[in-house]
Amino acid sequence: MVFDKKTILEADDLDIREVAIAVKGWPTQLWVRTLTGAERDAWEAGIVQPGPGEAKNYNMRNIRARFAALVTCDESGLRIFDDGDVAALGQKSAQALDLLFDAGQKLNGIRDEDIEELAGNSEATPDGCST
C-alpha cells in the first residue's frame, strides 16, 4: 500500500482506552485518550521552563492532575476536564489520579524515563552519549 500526505493527515490515529477505577465516589470506569503531538509538546513545555541564562526550571507541581485533565475523556474521546479544572482535580484521590496517569502514560508511549528526563533527574552520560 502506498501512503501519501493525504492518507496520513486523514488517518484516524487517536485511540481511547477504558480504565477501571476502584476509588470511593468515582465512576467505576473512565477512558483515556491519545494526545495529539501538539498537546504532548505543550504538556512537556509546562514541565520544563527556561530559567536564567541556560538554566532550566522544572514544574512538577500537580503533574498527575495536569496530565489526567488532558487524557481523561468520555467514551467518544472528548475531554471531560479542561485546563481550568486542574487545581480542583489535584485535590482528588492520588490513587485515582495515579490510575489515570499510568493508563494515559502507557497509551501515549510516555515512559518513566521520559518524565525523569523532563524533570532533570536523569543522570548525565560521559560526552553526552547515551547507551
Protein backbone atom coordinates (compact mmCIF):
# COMPACT_ATOMS: atom_id res chain seq x y z
CA MET A 1 0.00 0.00 0.00
CA VAL A 2 1.35 3.42 -0.94
CA PHE A 3 0.84 6.19 1.57
CA ASP A 4 0.76 9.84 0.72
CA LYS A 5 0.33 13.04 2.70
CA LYS A 6 -3.47 12.95 2.41
CA THR A 7 -3.65 9.39 3.76
CA ILE A 8 -1.56 10.28 6.80
CA LEU A 9 -3.28 13.59 7.55
CA GLU A 10 -6.73 12.00 7.28
CA ALA A 11 -5.84 8.90 9.33
CA ASP A 12 -7.94 8.31 12.44
CA ASP A 13 -4.94 7.58 14.66
CA LEU A 14 -6.13 8.85 18.03
CA ASP A 15 -7.15 5.98 20.30
CA ILE A 16 -9.08 5.74 23.55
CA ARG A 17 -8.83 3.05 26.21
CA GLU A 18 -11.11 2.15 29.11
CA VAL A 19 -9.70 2.40 32.63
CA ALA A 20 -11.21 0.63 35.65
CA ILE A 21 -11.41 2.90 38.68
CA ALA A 22 -11.91 1.43 42.15
CA VAL A 23 -11.96 4.63 44.18
CA LYS A 24 -14.79 5.66 46.51
CA GLY A 25 -17.14 8.11 44.85
CA TRP A 26 -15.61 7.83 41.38
CA PRO A 27 -17.27 6.17 38.37
CA THR A 28 -16.14 2.56 38.02
CA GLN A 29 -14.86 3.19 34.52
CA LEU A 30 -13.39 6.12 32.66
CA TRP A 31 -11.49 6.42 29.42
CA VAL A 32 -8.13 7.89 28.49
CA ARG A 33 -7.22 9.18 25.07
CA THR A 34 -4.18 9.58 22.89
CA LEU A 35 -2.72 13.07 22.93
CA THR A 36 -2.01 14.89 19.72
CA GLY A 37 1.61 15.82 19.09
CA ALA A 38 0.82 19.47 19.87
CA GLU A 39 -0.87 18.54 23.17
CA ARG A 40 2.06 16.41 24.29
CA ASP A 41 4.54 19.14 23.38
CA ALA A 42 2.51 21.71 25.35
CA TRP A 43 2.33 19.37 28.38
CA GLU A 44 6.08 18.78 28.24
CA ALA A 45 6.74 22.51 27.82
CA GLY A 46 4.75 23.07 31.02
CA ILE A 47 7.24 20.85 32.86
CA VAL A 48 10.49 22.34 31.57
CA GLN A 49 10.65 26.09 31.68
CA PRO A 50 13.56 28.39 30.90
CA GLY A 51 15.43 29.86 33.84
CA PRO A 52 18.14 32.50 33.98
CA GLY A 53 20.85 32.01 31.36
CA GLU A 54 20.91 28.39 30.24
CA ALA A 55 19.34 27.16 33.48
CA LYS A 56 16.01 25.37 33.43
CA ASN A 57 13.23 25.29 35.98
CA TYR A 58 11.18 22.13 36.41
CA ASN A 59 7.50 22.38 37.24
CA MET A 60 6.40 19.03 38.69
CA ARG A 61 3.59 20.65 40.69
CA ASN A 62 0.28 18.88 40.08
CA ILE A 63 1.81 16.87 37.21
CA ARG A 64 -0.64 13.98 37.64
CA ALA A 65 -3.68 16.26 37.64
CA ARG A 66 -2.38 18.21 34.62
CA PHE A 67 -1.86 15.00 32.67
CA ALA A 68 -5.12 13.40 33.86
CA ALA A 69 -7.03 16.50 32.74
CA LEU A 70 -5.53 16.14 29.27
CA VAL A 71 -6.12 12.42 28.78
CA THR A 72 -9.35 11.66 30.66
CA CYS A 73 -12.26 11.52 28.24
CA ASP A 74 -15.72 10.15 27.69
CA GLU A 75 -16.30 7.02 25.65
CA SER A 76 -16.34 9.04 22.43
CA GLY A 77 -12.90 10.54 23.14
CA LEU A 78 -13.97 14.05 24.21
CA ARG A 79 -12.08 15.54 27.17
CA ILE A 80 -14.15 15.74 30.34
CA PHE A 81 -11.82 18.15 32.16
CA ASP A 82 -10.45 21.41 30.85
CA ASP A 83 -7.31 23.23 31.93
CA GLY A 84 -9.33 25.23 34.46
CA ASP A 85 -10.17 22.00 36.32
CA VAL A 86 -6.55 21.07 37.11
CA ALA A 87 -6.36 22.66 40.58
CA ALA A 88 -9.60 21.01 41.71
CA LEU A 89 -8.59 17.70 40.14
CA GLY A 90 -5.30 17.88 42.03
CA GLN A 91 -7.29 17.80 45.27
CA LYS A 92 -8.85 14.43 44.39
CA SER A 93 -7.62 10.95 45.27
CA ALA A 94 -3.97 10.33 44.49
CA GLN A 95 -4.89 6.70 43.81
CA ALA A 96 -7.41 7.69 41.12
CA LEU A 97 -5.01 10.21 39.58
CA ASP A 98 -2.27 7.55 39.53
CA LEU A 99 -4.58 5.14 37.69
CA LEU A 100 -5.41 7.76 35.05
CA PHE A 101 -1.80 8.95 34.83
CA ASP A 102 -0.46 5.40 34.37
CA ALA A 103 -3.10 4.43 31.80
CA GLY A 104 -2.58 7.66 29.84
CA GLN A 105 1.18 7.27 30.06
CA LYS A 106 1.02 3.76 28.58
CA LEU A 107 -1.42 4.71 25.83
CA ASN A 108 0.75 7.67 24.82
CA GLY A 109 4.07 5.84 24.94
CA ILE A 110 5.43 8.05 27.70
CA ARG A 111 8.00 6.13 29.72
CA ASP A 112 9.01 6.87 33.31
CA GLU A 113 12.45 7.71 31.91
CA ASP A 114 10.89 10.38 29.68
CA ILE A 115 9.34 12.09 32.71
CA GLU A 116 12.57 11.84 34.70
CA GLU A 117 14.47 13.37 31.79
CA LEU A 118 11.96 16.22 31.54
CA ALA A 119 12.29 16.78 35.28
CA GLY A 120 16.06 16.95 35.02
CA ASN A 121 16.52 13.79 37.10
CA SER A 122 18.30 11.67 34.50
CA GLU A 123 21.96 11.00 35.01
CA ALA A 124 24.31 12.63 32.55
CA THR A 125 26.41 10.28 30.45
CA PRO A 126 30.04 10.95 29.53
CA ASP A 127 30.39 13.20 26.47
CA GLY A 128 26.59 13.43 26.29
CA CYS A 129 26.39 9.99 24.71
CA SER A 130 23.59 7.58 25.50
CA THR A 131 23.89 3.85 25.66
